């Protein structure tokens, strides 16, 4: 199942060098992090609406869009899908409450 994530991650890396006129992802990269984050936010909202509406096919479609744009965001930060999968694997079998309690807390921002 993770093969497609690895392939997509590699393609997203390659698109960093592509012409922004010939690639949607290259255009996102050229637009900068704020544009990528805006797109992630839009897709998250659309996913929530699809879930609320209860239409399975639309929810699948919107979730795929959200995952895709999240992968673009990760690639912008030079992170790979395998790193997220490794974190999920690390957490697997652990109580969510215990995992959250074990996280280091960040000081409040000023």
N, C-alpha and C. Protein backbone atom coordinates (compact mmCIF):
# COMPACT_ATOMS: atom_id res chain seq x y z
N UNK A 1 0.82 -1.20 0.00
CA UNK A 1 0.00 0.00 0.00
C UNK A 1 0.86 1.26 0.00
N UNK A 2 1.99 1.24 0.68
CA UNK A 2 2.82 2.44 0.73
C UNK A 2 3.61 2.67 -0.55
N UNK A 3 3.60 1.71 -1.48
CA UNK A 3 4.32 1.90 -2.74
C UNK A 3 3.86 3.15 -3.47
N UNK A 4 2.55 3.38 -3.50
CA UNK A 4 2.05 4.56 -4.20
C UNK A 4 2.52 5.83 -3.50
N UNK A 5 2.62 5.80 -2.18
CA UNK A 5 3.11 6.98 -1.47
C UNK A 5 4.58 7.24 -1.79
N UNK A 6 5.36 6.18 -1.88
CA UNK A 6 6.78 6.33 -2.24
C UNK A 6 6.92 6.87 -3.66
N UNK A 7 6.12 6.32 -4.58
CA UNK A 7 6.17 6.79 -5.96
C UNK A 7 5.73 8.24 -6.06
N UNK A 8 4.68 8.57 -5.36
CA UNK A 8 4.18 9.95 -5.38
C UNK A 8 5.21 10.89 -4.76
N UNK A 9 5.81 10.47 -3.66
CA UNK A 9 6.85 11.28 -3.03
C UNK A 9 8.00 11.56 -3.98
N UNK A 10 8.42 10.55 -4.72
CA UNK A 10 9.50 10.72 -5.69
C UNK A 10 9.08 11.68 -6.80
N UNK A 11 7.88 11.53 -7.29
CA UNK A 11 7.38 12.42 -8.34
C UNK A 11 7.30 13.86 -7.85
N UNK A 12 6.85 14.04 -6.62
CA UNK A 12 6.77 15.40 -6.06
C UNK A 12 8.15 16.04 -5.94
N UNK A 13 9.15 15.24 -5.58
CA UNK A 13 10.52 15.74 -5.54
C UNK A 13 10.98 16.17 -6.93
N UNK A 14 10.69 15.36 -7.92
CA UNK A 14 11.09 15.66 -9.30
C UNK A 14 10.42 16.94 -9.80
N UNK A 15 9.19 17.18 -9.38
CA UNK A 15 8.45 18.36 -9.84
C UNK A 15 9.07 19.66 -9.32
N UNK A 16 9.91 19.57 -8.30
CA UNK A 16 10.58 20.78 -7.82
C UNK A 16 11.45 21.39 -8.90
N UNK A 17 11.92 20.57 -9.82
CA UNK A 17 12.78 21.04 -10.91
C UNK A 17 12.01 21.32 -12.19
N UNK A 18 10.72 21.05 -12.20
CA UNK A 18 9.91 21.19 -13.42
C UNK A 18 9.54 22.64 -13.68
N UNK A 19 9.18 22.91 -14.91
CA UNK A 19 8.71 24.22 -15.32
C UNK A 19 7.32 24.46 -14.74
N UNK A 20 7.12 25.58 -14.08
CA UNK A 20 5.84 25.85 -13.45
C UNK A 20 4.71 26.03 -14.47
N UNK A 21 5.06 26.22 -15.72
CA UNK A 21 4.05 26.32 -16.76
C UNK A 21 3.58 24.98 -17.25
N UNK A 22 4.31 23.92 -16.90
CA UNK A 22 3.96 22.59 -17.41
C UNK A 22 3.52 21.62 -16.32
N UNK A 23 3.55 22.05 -15.06
CA UNK A 23 3.23 21.15 -13.96
C UNK A 23 2.48 21.89 -12.87
N UNK A 24 1.33 21.35 -12.48
CA UNK A 24 0.54 21.93 -11.39
C UNK A 24 1.36 21.98 -10.10
N UNK A 25 2.06 20.90 -9.80
CA UNK A 25 2.85 20.85 -8.56
C UNK A 25 4.01 21.84 -8.63
N UNK A 26 4.67 21.94 -9.76
CA UNK A 26 5.76 22.92 -9.90
C UNK A 26 5.21 24.33 -9.71
N UNK A 27 4.01 24.57 -10.20
CA UNK A 27 3.37 25.89 -10.02
C UNK A 27 3.11 26.15 -8.53
N UNK A 28 2.66 25.11 -7.80
CA UNK A 28 2.46 25.27 -6.36
C UNK A 28 3.77 25.61 -5.67
N UNK A 29 4.83 24.86 -5.99
CA UNK A 29 6.14 25.13 -5.39
C UNK A 29 6.58 26.56 -5.69
N UNK A 30 6.40 26.99 -6.94
CA UNK A 30 6.82 28.34 -7.34
C UNK A 30 6.01 29.41 -6.60
N UNK A 31 4.78 29.09 -6.24
CA UNK A 31 3.92 30.04 -5.53
C UNK A 31 4.32 30.21 -4.08
N UNK A 32 5.05 29.23 -3.54
CA UNK A 32 5.56 29.35 -2.18
C UNK A 32 4.72 28.63 -1.14
N UNK A 33 5.27 28.57 0.05
CA UNK A 33 4.67 27.82 1.15
C UNK A 33 3.26 28.31 1.50
N UNK A 34 3.05 29.60 1.53
CA UNK A 34 1.73 30.10 1.90
C UNK A 34 0.65 29.60 0.94
N UNK A 35 0.95 29.54 -0.35
CA UNK A 35 -0.01 29.04 -1.33
C UNK A 35 -0.28 27.55 -1.12
N UNK A 36 0.78 26.81 -0.80
CA UNK A 36 0.61 25.38 -0.54
C UNK A 36 -0.24 25.17 0.70
N UNK A 37 0.03 25.93 1.76
CA UNK A 37 -0.75 25.80 2.99
C UNK A 37 -2.21 26.20 2.79
N UNK A 38 -2.43 27.22 1.98
CA UNK A 38 -3.80 27.62 1.66
C UNK A 38 -4.54 26.49 0.98
N UNK A 39 -3.85 25.81 0.07
CA UNK A 39 -4.46 24.69 -0.64
C UNK A 39 -4.75 23.54 0.32
N UNK A 40 -3.85 23.26 1.24
CA UNK A 40 -4.10 22.20 2.23
C UNK A 40 -5.34 22.56 3.06
N UNK A 41 -5.43 23.81 3.46
CA UNK A 41 -6.59 24.26 4.23
C UNK A 41 -7.89 24.13 3.45
N UNK A 42 -7.87 24.51 2.17
CA UNK A 42 -9.06 24.38 1.32
C UNK A 42 -9.48 22.92 1.21
N UNK A 43 -8.50 22.05 0.99
CA UNK A 43 -8.81 20.63 0.83
C UNK A 43 -9.31 20.02 2.14
N UNK A 44 -8.77 20.48 3.27
CA UNK A 44 -9.24 20.00 4.56
C UNK A 44 -10.71 20.38 4.76
N UNK A 45 -11.04 21.61 4.41
CA UNK A 45 -12.42 22.08 4.52
C UNK A 45 -13.35 21.27 3.63
N UNK A 46 -12.93 21.03 2.39
CA UNK A 46 -13.75 20.25 1.46
C UNK A 46 -13.92 18.81 1.95
N UNK A 47 -12.90 18.27 2.59
CA UNK A 47 -12.99 16.91 3.14
C UNK A 47 -14.00 16.88 4.28
N UNK A 48 -13.96 17.87 5.14
CA UNK A 48 -14.90 17.95 6.25
C UNK A 48 -16.33 18.05 5.74
N UNK A 49 -16.55 18.88 4.73
CA UNK A 49 -17.90 19.04 4.16
C UNK A 49 -18.37 17.73 3.55
N UNK A 50 -17.47 17.04 2.84
CA UNK A 50 -17.84 15.75 2.24
C UNK A 50 -18.20 14.73 3.32
N UNK A 51 -17.45 14.73 4.41
CA UNK A 51 -17.75 13.81 5.51
C UNK A 51 -19.11 14.15 6.13
N UNK A 52 -19.36 15.43 6.30
CA UNK A 52 -20.63 15.87 6.89
C UNK A 52 -21.81 15.49 6.00
N UNK A 53 -21.60 15.57 4.66
CA UNK A 53 -22.66 15.24 3.71
C UNK A 53 -22.89 13.74 3.59
N UNK A 54 -21.92 12.94 4.02
CA UNK A 54 -22.10 11.50 4.05
C UNK A 54 -22.08 10.80 2.69
N UNK A 55 -21.48 11.44 1.69
CA UNK A 55 -21.39 10.84 0.36
C UNK A 55 -20.03 10.14 0.24
N UNK A 56 -20.00 8.80 0.31
CA UNK A 56 -18.72 8.08 0.36
C UNK A 56 -17.76 8.39 -0.79
N UNK A 57 -18.23 8.43 -2.02
CA UNK A 57 -17.34 8.65 -3.16
C UNK A 57 -16.73 10.05 -3.11
N UNK A 58 -17.52 11.03 -2.74
CA UNK A 58 -17.02 12.40 -2.62
C UNK A 58 -16.01 12.50 -1.48
N UNK A 59 -16.26 11.79 -0.39
CA UNK A 59 -15.33 11.79 0.74
C UNK A 59 -14.00 11.17 0.33
N UNK A 60 -14.04 10.10 -0.43
CA UNK A 60 -12.80 9.48 -0.93
C UNK A 60 -12.05 10.46 -1.82
N UNK A 61 -12.75 11.10 -2.72
CA UNK A 61 -12.15 12.06 -3.65
C UNK A 61 -11.48 13.22 -2.89
N UNK A 62 -12.20 13.79 -1.96
CA UNK A 62 -11.67 14.94 -1.21
C UNK A 62 -10.52 14.53 -0.29
N UNK A 63 -10.60 13.35 0.28
CA UNK A 63 -9.51 12.87 1.13
C UNK A 63 -8.25 12.66 0.29
N UNK A 64 -8.41 12.13 -0.91
CA UNK A 64 -7.26 11.97 -1.81
C UNK A 64 -6.64 13.32 -2.13
N UNK A 65 -7.47 14.32 -2.38
CA UNK A 65 -6.95 15.68 -2.63
C UNK A 65 -6.21 16.21 -1.42
N UNK A 66 -6.77 16.00 -0.23
CA UNK A 66 -6.13 16.46 1.00
C UNK A 66 -4.79 15.77 1.21
N UNK A 67 -4.76 14.46 1.06
CA UNK A 67 -3.50 13.73 1.23
C UNK A 67 -2.47 14.21 0.22
N UNK A 68 -2.89 14.39 -1.04
CA UNK A 68 -1.97 14.83 -2.09
C UNK A 68 -1.33 16.17 -1.72
N UNK A 69 -2.16 17.13 -1.35
CA UNK A 69 -1.63 18.46 -1.05
C UNK A 69 -0.82 18.47 0.24
N UNK A 70 -1.15 17.58 1.16
CA UNK A 70 -0.33 17.43 2.37
C UNK A 70 1.05 16.89 1.99
N UNK A 71 1.10 15.97 1.04
CA UNK A 71 2.39 15.45 0.57
C UNK A 71 3.21 16.54 -0.13
N UNK A 72 2.55 17.42 -0.86
CA UNK A 72 3.24 18.56 -1.47
C UNK A 72 3.84 19.43 -0.37
N UNK A 73 3.06 19.68 0.69
CA UNK A 73 3.55 20.48 1.81
C UNK A 73 4.78 19.84 2.45
N UNK A 74 4.71 18.54 2.67
CA UNK A 74 5.86 17.83 3.25
C UNK A 74 7.08 17.95 2.34
N UNK A 75 6.89 17.75 1.05
CA UNK A 75 8.00 17.83 0.10
C UNK A 75 8.61 19.23 0.09
N UNK A 76 7.77 20.24 0.24
CA UNK A 76 8.27 21.62 0.30
C UNK A 76 9.25 21.78 1.46
N UNK A 77 9.02 21.00 2.51
CA UNK A 77 9.89 21.03 3.70
C UNK A 77 10.96 19.94 3.64
N UNK A 78 11.14 19.35 2.45
CA UNK A 78 12.12 18.28 2.25
C UNK A 78 11.88 17.08 3.15
N UNK A 79 10.62 16.79 3.38
CA UNK A 79 10.21 15.60 4.13
C UNK A 79 9.55 14.62 3.17
N UNK A 80 9.64 13.34 3.51
CA UNK A 80 9.12 12.29 2.63
C UNK A 80 7.98 11.53 3.30
N UNK A 81 7.10 10.94 2.50
CA UNK A 81 5.99 10.17 3.07
C UNK A 81 6.47 9.05 4.01
N UNK A 82 7.62 8.48 3.71
CA UNK A 82 8.15 7.39 4.53
C UNK A 82 8.40 7.84 5.97
N UNK A 83 8.73 9.11 6.14
CA UNK A 83 8.97 9.63 7.49
C UNK A 83 7.66 9.68 8.29
N UNK A 84 6.59 10.04 7.64
CA UNK A 84 5.29 10.07 8.30
C UNK A 84 4.83 8.64 8.59
N UNK A 85 5.03 7.74 7.63
CA UNK A 85 4.67 6.35 7.85
C UNK A 85 5.46 5.75 9.01
N UNK A 86 6.73 6.10 9.12
CA UNK A 86 7.56 5.61 10.23
C UNK A 86 7.02 6.12 11.56
N UNK A 87 6.55 7.36 11.58
CA UNK A 87 5.98 7.91 12.81
C UNK A 87 4.68 7.19 13.17
N UNK A 88 3.85 6.91 12.17
CA UNK A 88 2.62 6.16 12.43
C UNK A 88 2.95 4.76 12.94
N UNK A 89 3.95 4.14 12.34
CA UNK A 89 4.36 2.81 12.78
C UNK A 89 4.86 2.86 14.23
N UNK A 90 5.61 3.89 14.57
CA UNK A 90 6.12 4.04 15.93
C UNK A 90 4.96 4.14 16.92
N UNK A 91 3.91 4.82 16.53
CA UNK A 91 2.77 5.01 17.42
C UNK A 91 1.83 3.81 17.48
N UNK A 92 1.89 2.94 16.48
CA UNK A 92 0.94 1.84 16.38
C UNK A 92 1.02 0.95 17.62
N UNK A 93 -0.13 0.60 18.15
CA UNK A 93 -0.18 -0.27 19.31
C UNK A 93 -0.03 0.48 20.63
N UNK A 94 0.14 1.78 20.54
CA UNK A 94 0.30 2.61 21.73
C UNK A 94 -1.00 3.35 21.97
N UNK A 95 -1.38 3.48 23.19
CA UNK A 95 -2.56 4.24 23.52
C UNK A 95 -2.39 5.68 23.04
N UNK A 96 -3.41 6.21 22.40
CA UNK A 96 -3.35 7.60 21.96
C UNK A 96 -3.18 8.56 23.12
N UNK A 97 -3.79 8.24 24.23
CA UNK A 97 -3.65 9.10 25.41
C UNK A 97 -2.22 9.06 25.94
N UNK A 98 -1.63 7.86 25.96
CA UNK A 98 -0.24 7.72 26.43
C UNK A 98 0.72 8.42 25.47
N UNK A 99 0.47 8.29 24.17
CA UNK A 99 1.34 8.92 23.18
C UNK A 99 1.31 10.43 23.33
N UNK A 100 0.12 11.00 23.49
CA UNK A 100 0.01 12.46 23.66
C UNK A 100 0.69 12.92 24.93
N UNK A 101 0.54 12.16 26.01
CA UNK A 101 1.15 12.54 27.28
C UNK A 101 2.68 12.49 27.19
N UNK A 102 3.22 11.64 26.32
CA UNK A 102 4.67 11.49 26.19
C UNK A 102 5.31 12.58 25.33
N UNK A 103 4.51 13.30 24.58
CA UNK A 103 5.06 14.37 23.73
C UNK A 103 5.63 15.47 24.59
N UNK A 104 6.70 16.08 24.08
CA UNK A 104 7.25 17.23 24.81
C UNK A 104 6.33 18.41 24.58
N UNK A 105 6.11 19.16 25.60
CA UNK A 105 5.23 20.32 25.48
C UNK A 105 6.03 21.52 25.02
N UNK A 106 5.40 22.31 24.20
CA UNK A 106 6.03 23.54 23.71
C UNK A 106 5.61 24.70 24.58
N UNK A 107 6.54 25.62 24.81
CA UNK A 107 6.14 26.81 25.59
C UNK A 107 5.17 27.64 24.77
N UNK A 108 4.24 28.32 25.44
CA UNK A 108 3.29 29.17 24.71
C UNK A 108 4.03 30.26 23.95
N UNK A 109 3.54 30.57 22.76
CA UNK A 109 4.18 31.63 21.97
C UNK A 109 3.79 32.99 22.53
N UNK A 110 4.72 33.89 22.41
CA UNK A 110 4.50 35.24 22.97
C UNK A 110 3.69 36.10 22.03
